[in-house]
Amino acid sequence: MAERKKILLRLDPAVHDALARWANDELRSTNAQIEFVLRKALADHGRMPKSAGSLPRRGRPPKGRPTDDQNDDRTGADAPEAPEGEDGRT
């Protein structure tokens, strides 16, 4: 992934406080919330560049779920077997 751009952003303190509260409600950092809102606005107006990468996954992965680093193609020997009758065959 390309290095992320660093910018200085000047905001009205009330706007910053509102963004910080919103970010906290959604368990994001204020910076991640600003990027989320900007990306949503770009997408809503058809201006999201096709070359833009996806939002980076942040935080700890949920317990018991594979991470992006683990190979989980679910086709190997450790893939769970479907119980009889639930594999679509009769």
N, C-alpha and C. Protein backbone atom coordinates (compact mmCIF):
# COMPACT_ATOMS: atom_id res chain seq x y z
N MET A 1 0.84 -1.18 0.00
CA MET A 1 0.00 0.00 0.00
C MET A 1 0.88 1.23 0.00
N ALA A 2 0.48 2.23 -0.72
CA ALA A 2 1.23 3.47 -0.79
C ALA A 2 1.21 4.17 0.56
N GLU A 3 2.24 4.96 0.80
CA GLU A 3 2.31 5.71 2.05
C GLU A 3 1.16 6.70 2.12
N ARG A 4 0.58 6.82 3.29
CA ARG A 4 -0.58 7.70 3.48
C ARG A 4 -0.12 9.14 3.56
N LYS A 5 -0.90 10.05 3.01
CA LYS A 5 -0.59 11.48 3.01
C LYS A 5 -0.86 12.06 4.39
N LYS A 6 0.00 12.96 4.80
CA LYS A 6 -0.16 13.68 6.06
C LYS A 6 -0.53 15.10 5.71
N ILE A 7 -1.61 15.60 6.30
CA ILE A 7 -2.02 16.98 6.03
C ILE A 7 -2.35 17.69 7.34
N LEU A 8 -2.28 18.98 7.29
CA LEU A 8 -2.71 19.81 8.40
C LEU A 8 -4.13 20.25 8.09
N LEU A 9 -5.04 20.03 8.98
CA LEU A 9 -6.44 20.38 8.75
C LEU A 9 -6.90 21.31 9.87
N ARG A 10 -7.35 22.46 9.51
CA ARG A 10 -7.86 23.41 10.49
C ARG A 10 -9.38 23.29 10.53
N LEU A 11 -9.91 23.07 11.72
CA LEU A 11 -11.35 22.91 11.91
C LEU A 11 -11.84 23.83 13.00
N ASP A 12 -13.09 24.23 12.88
CA ASP A 12 -13.76 24.93 13.96
C ASP A 12 -13.77 23.98 15.16
N PRO A 13 -13.47 24.45 16.36
CA PRO A 13 -13.44 23.56 17.52
C PRO A 13 -14.76 22.81 17.75
N ALA A 14 -15.88 23.43 17.47
CA ALA A 14 -17.17 22.75 17.66
C ALA A 14 -17.33 21.60 16.66
N VAL A 15 -16.84 21.81 15.43
CA VAL A 15 -16.91 20.75 14.42
C VAL A 15 -15.99 19.60 14.83
N HIS A 16 -14.80 19.93 15.31
CA HIS A 16 -13.87 18.89 15.76
C HIS A 16 -14.48 18.10 16.91
N ASP A 17 -15.07 18.79 17.87
CA ASP A 17 -15.69 18.10 19.00
C ASP A 17 -16.81 17.16 18.55
N ALA A 18 -17.63 17.62 17.61
CA ALA A 18 -18.72 16.79 17.09
C ALA A 18 -18.15 15.56 16.38
N LEU A 19 -17.10 15.75 15.56
CA LEU A 19 -16.46 14.62 14.88
C LEU A 19 -15.85 13.65 15.88
N ALA A 20 -15.22 14.16 16.91
CA ALA A 20 -14.60 13.31 17.92
C ALA A 20 -15.65 12.48 18.66
N ARG A 21 -16.78 13.09 18.98
CA ARG A 21 -17.87 12.33 19.65
C ARG A 21 -18.42 11.26 18.73
N TRP A 22 -18.63 11.61 17.46
CA TRP A 22 -19.14 10.66 16.47
C TRP A 22 -18.15 9.50 16.30
N ALA A 23 -16.87 9.83 16.20
CA ALA A 23 -15.84 8.79 16.06
C ALA A 23 -15.86 7.86 17.27
N ASN A 24 -15.96 8.44 18.45
CA ASN A 24 -16.00 7.64 19.67
C ASN A 24 -17.21 6.70 19.67
N ASP A 25 -18.35 7.19 19.22
CA ASP A 25 -19.55 6.36 19.16
C ASP A 25 -19.37 5.15 18.23
N GLU A 26 -18.55 5.32 17.18
CA GLU A 26 -18.35 4.26 16.20
C GLU A 26 -17.00 3.55 16.39
N LEU A 27 -16.37 3.79 17.54
CA LEU A 27 -15.11 3.15 17.91
C LEU A 27 -14.01 3.38 16.86
N ARG A 28 -13.95 4.60 16.38
CA ARG A 28 -12.90 5.01 15.44
C ARG A 28 -12.12 6.16 16.06
N SER A 29 -10.92 6.37 15.54
CA SER A 29 -10.19 7.57 15.91
C SER A 29 -10.82 8.75 15.16
N THR A 30 -10.55 9.95 15.62
CA THR A 30 -11.07 11.13 14.92
C THR A 30 -10.53 11.18 13.50
N ASN A 31 -9.26 10.85 13.33
CA ASN A 31 -8.65 10.85 12.01
C ASN A 31 -9.35 9.83 11.09
N ALA A 32 -9.60 8.62 11.60
CA ALA A 32 -10.29 7.60 10.79
C ALA A 32 -11.71 8.03 10.46
N GLN A 33 -12.36 8.73 11.38
CA GLN A 33 -13.73 9.19 11.13
C GLN A 33 -13.74 10.25 10.03
N ILE A 34 -12.77 11.15 10.05
CA ILE A 34 -12.69 12.17 9.00
C ILE A 34 -12.50 11.49 7.65
N GLU A 35 -11.61 10.51 7.58
CA GLU A 35 -11.40 9.81 6.31
C GLU A 35 -12.66 9.06 5.89
N PHE A 36 -13.35 8.44 6.83
CA PHE A 36 -14.59 7.72 6.52
C PHE A 36 -15.64 8.67 5.93
N VAL A 37 -15.81 9.82 6.55
CA VAL A 37 -16.80 10.80 6.09
C VAL A 37 -16.42 11.35 4.71
N LEU A 38 -15.14 11.64 4.51
CA LEU A 38 -14.70 12.14 3.21
C LEU A 38 -14.90 11.10 2.12
N ARG A 39 -14.56 9.85 2.40
CA ARG A 39 -14.74 8.78 1.41
C ARG A 39 -16.22 8.58 1.08
N LYS A 40 -17.07 8.65 2.09
CA LYS A 40 -18.51 8.48 1.85
C LYS A 40 -19.03 9.62 0.97
N ALA A 41 -18.59 10.84 1.26
CA ALA A 41 -19.03 11.99 0.45
C ALA A 41 -18.55 11.84 -1.00
N LEU A 42 -17.30 11.43 -1.19
CA LEU A 42 -16.79 11.22 -2.54
C LEU A 42 -17.59 10.15 -3.28
N ALA A 43 -17.86 9.04 -2.61
CA ALA A 43 -18.62 7.95 -3.24
C ALA A 43 -20.05 8.39 -3.55
N ASP A 44 -20.68 9.09 -2.62
CA ASP A 44 -22.06 9.54 -2.83
C ASP A 44 -22.19 10.48 -4.02
N HIS A 45 -21.14 11.21 -4.32
CA HIS A 45 -21.18 12.18 -5.42
C HIS A 45 -20.47 11.68 -6.67
N GLY A 46 -20.13 10.38 -6.69
CA GLY A 46 -19.50 9.79 -7.86
C GLY A 46 -18.10 10.31 -8.14
N ARG A 47 -17.40 10.71 -7.11
CA ARG A 47 -16.06 11.29 -7.30
C ARG A 47 -14.95 10.45 -6.67
N MET A 48 -15.28 9.24 -6.22
CA MET A 48 -14.25 8.40 -5.61
C MET A 48 -13.34 7.88 -6.72
N PRO A 49 -12.04 8.16 -6.64
CA PRO A 49 -11.13 7.67 -7.68
C PRO A 49 -11.05 6.15 -7.66
N LYS A 50 -11.00 5.55 -8.83
CA LYS A 50 -10.92 4.09 -8.92
C LYS A 50 -9.61 3.58 -8.34
N SER A 51 -8.60 4.44 -8.35
CA SER A 51 -7.30 4.03 -7.84
C SER A 51 -7.20 4.11 -6.31
N ALA A 52 -8.22 4.64 -5.66
CA ALA A 52 -8.18 4.77 -4.20
C ALA A 52 -8.28 3.39 -3.56
N GLY A 53 -7.37 3.12 -2.65
CA GLY A 53 -7.41 1.85 -1.93
C GLY A 53 -8.56 1.84 -0.94
N SER A 54 -8.82 0.68 -0.37
CA SER A 54 -9.87 0.59 0.63
C SER A 54 -9.36 1.15 1.96
N LEU A 55 -10.29 1.40 2.86
CA LEU A 55 -9.89 1.86 4.18
C LEU A 55 -9.06 0.78 4.85
N PRO A 56 -7.97 1.16 5.49
CA PRO A 56 -7.18 0.14 6.18
C PRO A 56 -7.96 -0.43 7.35
N ARG A 57 -7.82 -1.73 7.54
CA ARG A 57 -8.48 -2.36 8.69
C ARG A 57 -7.69 -1.98 9.93
N ARG A 58 -8.40 -1.49 10.91
CA ARG A 58 -7.75 -1.05 12.14
C ARG A 58 -8.23 -1.89 13.30
N GLY A 59 -7.44 -1.92 14.32
CA GLY A 59 -7.84 -2.60 15.54
C GLY A 59 -7.53 -4.09 15.51
N ARG A 60 -7.86 -4.73 16.58
CA ARG A 60 -7.62 -6.15 16.75
C ARG A 60 -8.73 -6.96 16.10
N PRO A 61 -8.39 -8.04 15.38
CA PRO A 61 -9.45 -8.85 14.78
C PRO A 61 -10.26 -9.56 15.86
N PRO A 62 -11.53 -9.85 15.60
CA PRO A 62 -12.34 -10.56 16.58
C PRO A 62 -11.75 -11.93 16.90
N LYS A 63 -11.93 -12.41 18.12
CA LYS A 63 -11.41 -13.72 18.51
C LYS A 63 -12.09 -14.81 17.71
N GLY A 64 -11.29 -15.80 17.34
CA GLY A 64 -11.84 -16.96 16.65
C GLY A 64 -12.06 -16.76 15.17
N ARG A 65 -11.80 -15.59 14.65
CA ARG A 65 -11.97 -15.34 13.21
C ARG A 65 -10.59 -15.19 12.60
N PRO A 66 -10.40 -15.73 11.41
CA PRO A 66 -9.08 -15.62 10.77
C PRO A 66 -8.77 -14.17 10.42
N THR A 67 -7.50 -13.84 10.48
CA THR A 67 -7.07 -12.50 10.09
C THR A 67 -6.69 -12.50 8.63
N ASP A 68 -6.44 -11.34 8.06
CA ASP A 68 -6.02 -11.23 6.67
C ASP A 68 -4.70 -11.95 6.43
N ASP A 69 -3.89 -12.07 7.49
CA ASP A 69 -2.58 -12.69 7.34
C ASP A 69 -2.67 -14.21 7.25
N GLN A 70 -3.77 -14.78 7.71
CA GLN A 70 -3.93 -16.22 7.69
C GLN A 70 -4.60 -16.66 6.40
N ASN A 71 -4.16 -17.78 5.87
CA ASN A 71 -4.77 -18.33 4.68
C ASN A 71 -6.00 -19.10 5.08
N ASP A 72 -7.15 -18.64 4.65
CA ASP A 72 -8.41 -19.28 5.03
C ASP A 72 -9.25 -19.52 3.79
N ASP A 73 -8.71 -20.36 2.89
CA ASP A 73 -9.48 -20.59 1.67
C ASP A 73 -10.57 -21.63 1.88
N ARG A 74 -10.59 -22.25 3.04
CA ARG A 74 -11.64 -23.19 3.45
C ARG A 74 -11.80 -24.36 2.48
N THR A 75 -10.73 -24.71 1.75
CA THR A 75 -10.80 -25.85 0.85
C THR A 75 -9.85 -26.94 1.28
N GLY A 76 -9.03 -26.67 2.24
CA GLY A 76 -8.03 -27.64 2.67
C GLY A 76 -8.61 -28.68 3.60
N ALA A 77 -7.70 -29.49 4.17
CA ALA A 77 -8.12 -30.58 5.04
C ALA A 77 -8.75 -30.08 6.32
N ASP A 78 -8.43 -28.86 6.74
CA ASP A 78 -8.99 -28.35 7.99
C ASP A 78 -10.31 -27.60 7.79
N ALA A 79 -10.85 -27.60 6.57
CA ALA A 79 -12.14 -26.95 6.32
C ALA A 79 -13.24 -27.78 6.98
N PRO A 80 -14.21 -27.11 7.63
CA PRO A 80 -15.26 -27.87 8.29
C PRO A 80 -16.12 -28.62 7.27
N GLU A 81 -16.54 -29.81 7.66
CA GLU A 81 -17.41 -30.60 6.79
C GLU A 81 -18.85 -30.19 7.00
N ALA A 82 -19.63 -30.20 5.93
CA ALA A 82 -21.05 -29.88 6.03
C ALA A 82 -21.77 -31.09 6.60
N PRO A 83 -22.67 -30.90 7.57
CA PRO A 83 -23.45 -32.01 8.10
C PRO A 83 -24.28 -32.64 6.97
N GLU A 84 -24.59 -33.92 7.13
CA GLU A 84 -25.31 -34.65 6.11
C GLU A 84 -26.61 -33.93 5.76
N GLY A 85 -26.89 -33.78 4.48
CA GLY A 85 -28.13 -33.15 4.03
C GLY A 85 -28.04 -31.65 3.89
N GLU A 86 -26.96 -31.03 4.36
CA GLU A 86 -26.85 -29.58 4.28
C GLU A 86 -25.91 -29.13 3.19
N ASP A 87 -25.42 -30.06 2.37
CA ASP A 87 -24.50 -29.67 1.31
C ASP A 87 -25.19 -29.44 -0.02
N GLY A 88 -26.50 -29.44 -0.03
CA GLY A 88 -27.25 -29.17 -1.25
C GLY A 88 -27.57 -30.41 -2.04
N ARG A 89 -27.02 -31.56 -1.63
CA ARG A 89 -27.31 -32.81 -2.33
C ARG A 89 -28.45 -33.54 -1.64
N THR A 90 -29.19 -34.31 -2.41
CA THR A 90 -30.27 -35.11 -1.82
C THR A 90 -29.99 -36.56 -1.92
